[in-house]
């Protein structure tokens, strides 16, 4: 969503792991800053780091598969 002087915009970045997309990071931004390349790059980097924290550890996934 694109913002302007009177409306906020939104920036969305996928949370991607080896198993695929597990969610999204979204942020509401003022003044059209969602169009800025540095804002988009920062969101991408942050989403990549966040994906490593919210995804289940590989050992837990292997344990669940072995039990299932």
N, C-alpha and C. Protein backbone atom coordinates (compact mmCIF):
# COMPACT_ATOMS: atom_id res chain seq x y z
N UNK A 1 0.85 -1.17 0.00
CA UNK A 1 0.00 0.00 0.00
C UNK A 1 0.89 1.23 0.00
N UNK A 2 0.55 2.19 -0.81
CA UNK A 2 1.36 3.39 -0.93
C UNK A 2 0.78 4.52 -0.10
N UNK A 3 1.65 5.19 0.64
CA UNK A 3 1.23 6.32 1.45
C UNK A 3 1.56 7.63 0.77
N UNK A 4 1.00 8.71 1.30
CA UNK A 4 1.31 10.05 0.80
C UNK A 4 1.34 10.98 2.00
N UNK A 5 1.22 12.27 1.78
CA UNK A 5 1.31 13.23 2.87
C UNK A 5 0.23 13.10 3.92
N UNK A 6 -0.94 12.58 3.53
CA UNK A 6 -2.04 12.49 4.49
C UNK A 6 -2.40 11.06 4.89
N UNK A 7 -1.84 10.07 4.21
CA UNK A 7 -2.12 8.66 4.52
C UNK A 7 -0.83 7.90 4.77
N UNK A 8 -0.89 6.93 5.67
CA UNK A 8 0.25 6.06 5.92
C UNK A 8 0.32 4.98 4.85
N UNK A 9 1.52 4.48 4.63
CA UNK A 9 1.72 3.37 3.71
C UNK A 9 2.13 2.13 4.49
N UNK A 10 2.31 1.04 3.77
CA UNK A 10 2.68 -0.21 4.43
C UNK A 10 3.82 -0.88 3.68
N UNK A 11 4.64 -1.56 4.42
CA UNK A 11 5.76 -2.33 3.88
C UNK A 11 5.59 -3.75 4.39
N UNK A 12 5.69 -4.73 3.50
CA UNK A 12 5.51 -6.12 3.87
C UNK A 12 6.69 -6.93 3.33
N UNK A 13 7.27 -7.78 4.18
CA UNK A 13 8.39 -8.64 3.78
C UNK A 13 8.10 -10.06 4.25
N UNK A 14 8.31 -11.06 3.38
CA UNK A 14 8.03 -12.44 3.78
C UNK A 14 9.07 -12.98 4.76
N UNK A 15 8.63 -13.87 5.65
CA UNK A 15 9.52 -14.60 6.55
C UNK A 15 9.75 -15.96 5.92
N UNK A 16 10.90 -16.14 5.30
CA UNK A 16 11.18 -17.35 4.53
C UNK A 16 12.23 -18.19 5.24
N UNK A 17 11.94 -19.51 5.35
CA UNK A 17 12.89 -20.47 5.90
C UNK A 17 13.14 -21.54 4.85
N UNK A 18 13.93 -22.52 5.19
CA UNK A 18 14.19 -23.62 4.26
C UNK A 18 12.92 -24.39 3.94
N UNK A 19 11.93 -24.34 4.85
CA UNK A 19 10.66 -25.03 4.64
C UNK A 19 9.66 -24.20 3.86
N UNK A 20 10.01 -22.97 3.54
CA UNK A 20 9.10 -22.09 2.80
C UNK A 20 8.73 -20.86 3.61
N UNK A 21 7.72 -20.15 3.14
CA UNK A 21 7.27 -18.94 3.81
C UNK A 21 6.46 -19.32 5.05
N UNK A 22 6.85 -18.75 6.21
CA UNK A 22 6.17 -19.08 7.46
C UNK A 22 5.37 -17.88 8.00
N UNK A 23 5.37 -16.78 7.28
CA UNK A 23 4.63 -15.60 7.72
C UNK A 23 5.15 -14.36 7.03
N UNK A 24 4.73 -13.21 7.53
CA UNK A 24 5.19 -11.94 6.98
C UNK A 24 5.48 -10.95 8.10
N UNK A 25 6.36 -10.03 7.79
CA UNK A 25 6.63 -8.88 8.64
C UNK A 25 5.95 -7.71 7.97
N UNK A 26 5.13 -6.98 8.70
CA UNK A 26 4.48 -5.81 8.12
C UNK A 26 4.74 -4.60 9.00
N UNK A 27 4.82 -3.45 8.35
CA UNK A 27 5.07 -2.21 9.08
C UNK A 27 4.30 -1.08 8.43
N UNK A 28 3.64 -0.28 9.24
CA UNK A 28 2.95 0.91 8.76
C UNK A 28 3.96 2.06 8.82
N UNK A 29 4.08 2.80 7.71
CA UNK A 29 5.11 3.84 7.64
C UNK A 29 4.48 5.16 7.18
N UNK A 30 5.03 6.26 7.67
CA UNK A 30 4.51 7.58 7.35
C UNK A 30 5.26 8.23 6.19
N UNK A 31 4.58 9.13 5.52
CA UNK A 31 5.22 10.02 4.55
C UNK A 31 5.78 9.35 3.32
N UNK A 32 5.29 8.22 2.94
CA UNK A 32 5.79 7.56 1.73
C UNK A 32 7.15 6.89 1.89
N UNK A 33 7.62 6.72 3.13
CA UNK A 33 8.95 6.13 3.33
C UNK A 33 9.00 4.64 2.98
N UNK A 34 7.83 4.01 2.77
CA UNK A 34 7.83 2.61 2.37
C UNK A 34 8.39 2.42 0.96
N UNK A 35 8.47 3.50 0.19
CA UNK A 35 9.02 3.44 -1.17
C UNK A 35 10.55 3.56 -1.19
N UNK A 36 11.12 3.97 -0.08
CA UNK A 36 12.56 4.18 0.02
C UNK A 36 13.31 2.84 -0.03
N UNK A 37 14.31 2.75 -0.88
CA UNK A 37 15.06 1.49 -1.03
C UNK A 37 15.74 1.07 0.26
N UNK A 38 16.22 2.01 1.05
CA UNK A 38 16.89 1.63 2.29
C UNK A 38 15.89 1.07 3.30
N UNK A 39 14.66 1.58 3.31
CA UNK A 39 13.61 1.03 4.18
C UNK A 39 13.26 -0.38 3.76
N UNK A 40 13.17 -0.62 2.45
CA UNK A 40 12.85 -1.95 1.94
C UNK A 40 13.98 -2.93 2.24
N UNK A 41 15.23 -2.47 2.10
CA UNK A 41 16.37 -3.34 2.39
C UNK A 41 16.42 -3.70 3.87
N UNK A 42 16.19 -2.72 4.73
CA UNK A 42 16.19 -2.97 6.17
C UNK A 42 15.09 -3.94 6.56
N UNK A 43 13.91 -3.80 5.98
CA UNK A 43 12.81 -4.72 6.26
C UNK A 43 13.16 -6.13 5.81
N UNK A 44 13.79 -6.27 4.66
CA UNK A 44 14.19 -7.59 4.16
C UNK A 44 15.20 -8.26 5.08
N UNK A 45 16.19 -7.50 5.52
CA UNK A 45 17.21 -8.03 6.42
C UNK A 45 16.60 -8.42 7.77
N UNK A 46 15.75 -7.55 8.30
CA UNK A 46 15.11 -7.83 9.58
C UNK A 46 14.20 -9.05 9.48
N UNK A 47 13.47 -9.17 8.38
CA UNK A 47 12.58 -10.33 8.19
C UNK A 47 13.38 -11.62 8.11
N UNK A 48 14.53 -11.58 7.45
CA UNK A 48 15.37 -12.78 7.35
C UNK A 48 15.87 -13.21 8.72
N UNK A 49 16.27 -12.25 9.54
CA UNK A 49 16.74 -12.57 10.89
C UNK A 49 15.59 -13.05 11.77
N UNK A 50 14.43 -12.41 11.65
CA UNK A 50 13.27 -12.80 12.44
C UNK A 50 12.80 -14.21 12.09
N UNK A 51 12.90 -14.57 10.83
CA UNK A 51 12.49 -15.92 10.41
C UNK A 51 13.29 -17.00 11.12
N UNK A 52 14.55 -16.73 11.41
CA UNK A 52 15.37 -17.73 12.11
C UNK A 52 14.93 -17.88 13.57
N UNK A 53 14.30 -16.85 14.13
CA UNK A 53 13.87 -16.91 15.53
C UNK A 53 12.49 -17.53 15.70
N UNK A 54 11.61 -17.35 14.74
CA UNK A 54 10.23 -17.83 14.90
C UNK A 54 9.99 -19.20 14.28
N UNK A 55 10.93 -19.68 13.48
CA UNK A 55 10.76 -21.02 12.90
C UNK A 55 11.19 -22.07 13.92
N UNK A 56 10.58 -23.24 13.88
CA UNK A 56 11.00 -24.28 14.82
C UNK A 56 12.40 -24.76 14.49
N UNK A 57 13.20 -25.11 15.48
CA UNK A 57 14.54 -25.62 15.22
C UNK A 57 14.48 -26.90 14.40
N UNK A 58 15.49 -27.15 13.61
CA UNK A 58 15.52 -28.34 12.74
C UNK A 58 15.42 -29.61 13.58
N UNK A 59 16.03 -29.63 14.75
CA UNK A 59 15.99 -30.84 15.58
C UNK A 59 14.57 -31.12 16.05
N UNK A 60 13.78 -30.08 16.33
CA UNK A 60 12.40 -30.28 16.76
C UNK A 60 11.57 -30.83 15.60
N UNK A 61 11.82 -30.35 14.41
CA UNK A 61 11.08 -30.83 13.25
C UNK A 61 11.42 -32.30 12.98
N UNK A 62 12.68 -32.67 13.16
CA UNK A 62 13.07 -34.07 12.96
C UNK A 62 12.46 -34.97 14.01
N UNK A 63 12.40 -34.50 15.25
CA UNK A 63 11.79 -35.27 16.34
C UNK A 63 10.32 -35.48 16.07
N UNK A 64 9.62 -34.44 15.64
CA UNK A 64 8.19 -34.57 15.34
C UNK A 64 7.97 -35.53 14.19
N UNK A 65 8.81 -35.48 13.17
CA UNK A 65 8.67 -36.38 12.03
C UNK A 65 8.91 -37.83 12.46
N UNK A 66 9.87 -38.05 13.33
CA UNK A 66 10.18 -39.39 13.79
C UNK A 66 9.06 -39.97 14.65
N UNK A 67 8.40 -39.09 15.44
CA UNK A 67 7.32 -39.54 16.30
C UNK A 67 6.03 -39.78 15.51
N UNK A 68 5.84 -39.01 14.43
CA UNK A 68 4.58 -39.02 13.66
C UNK A 68 4.40 -40.25 12.90
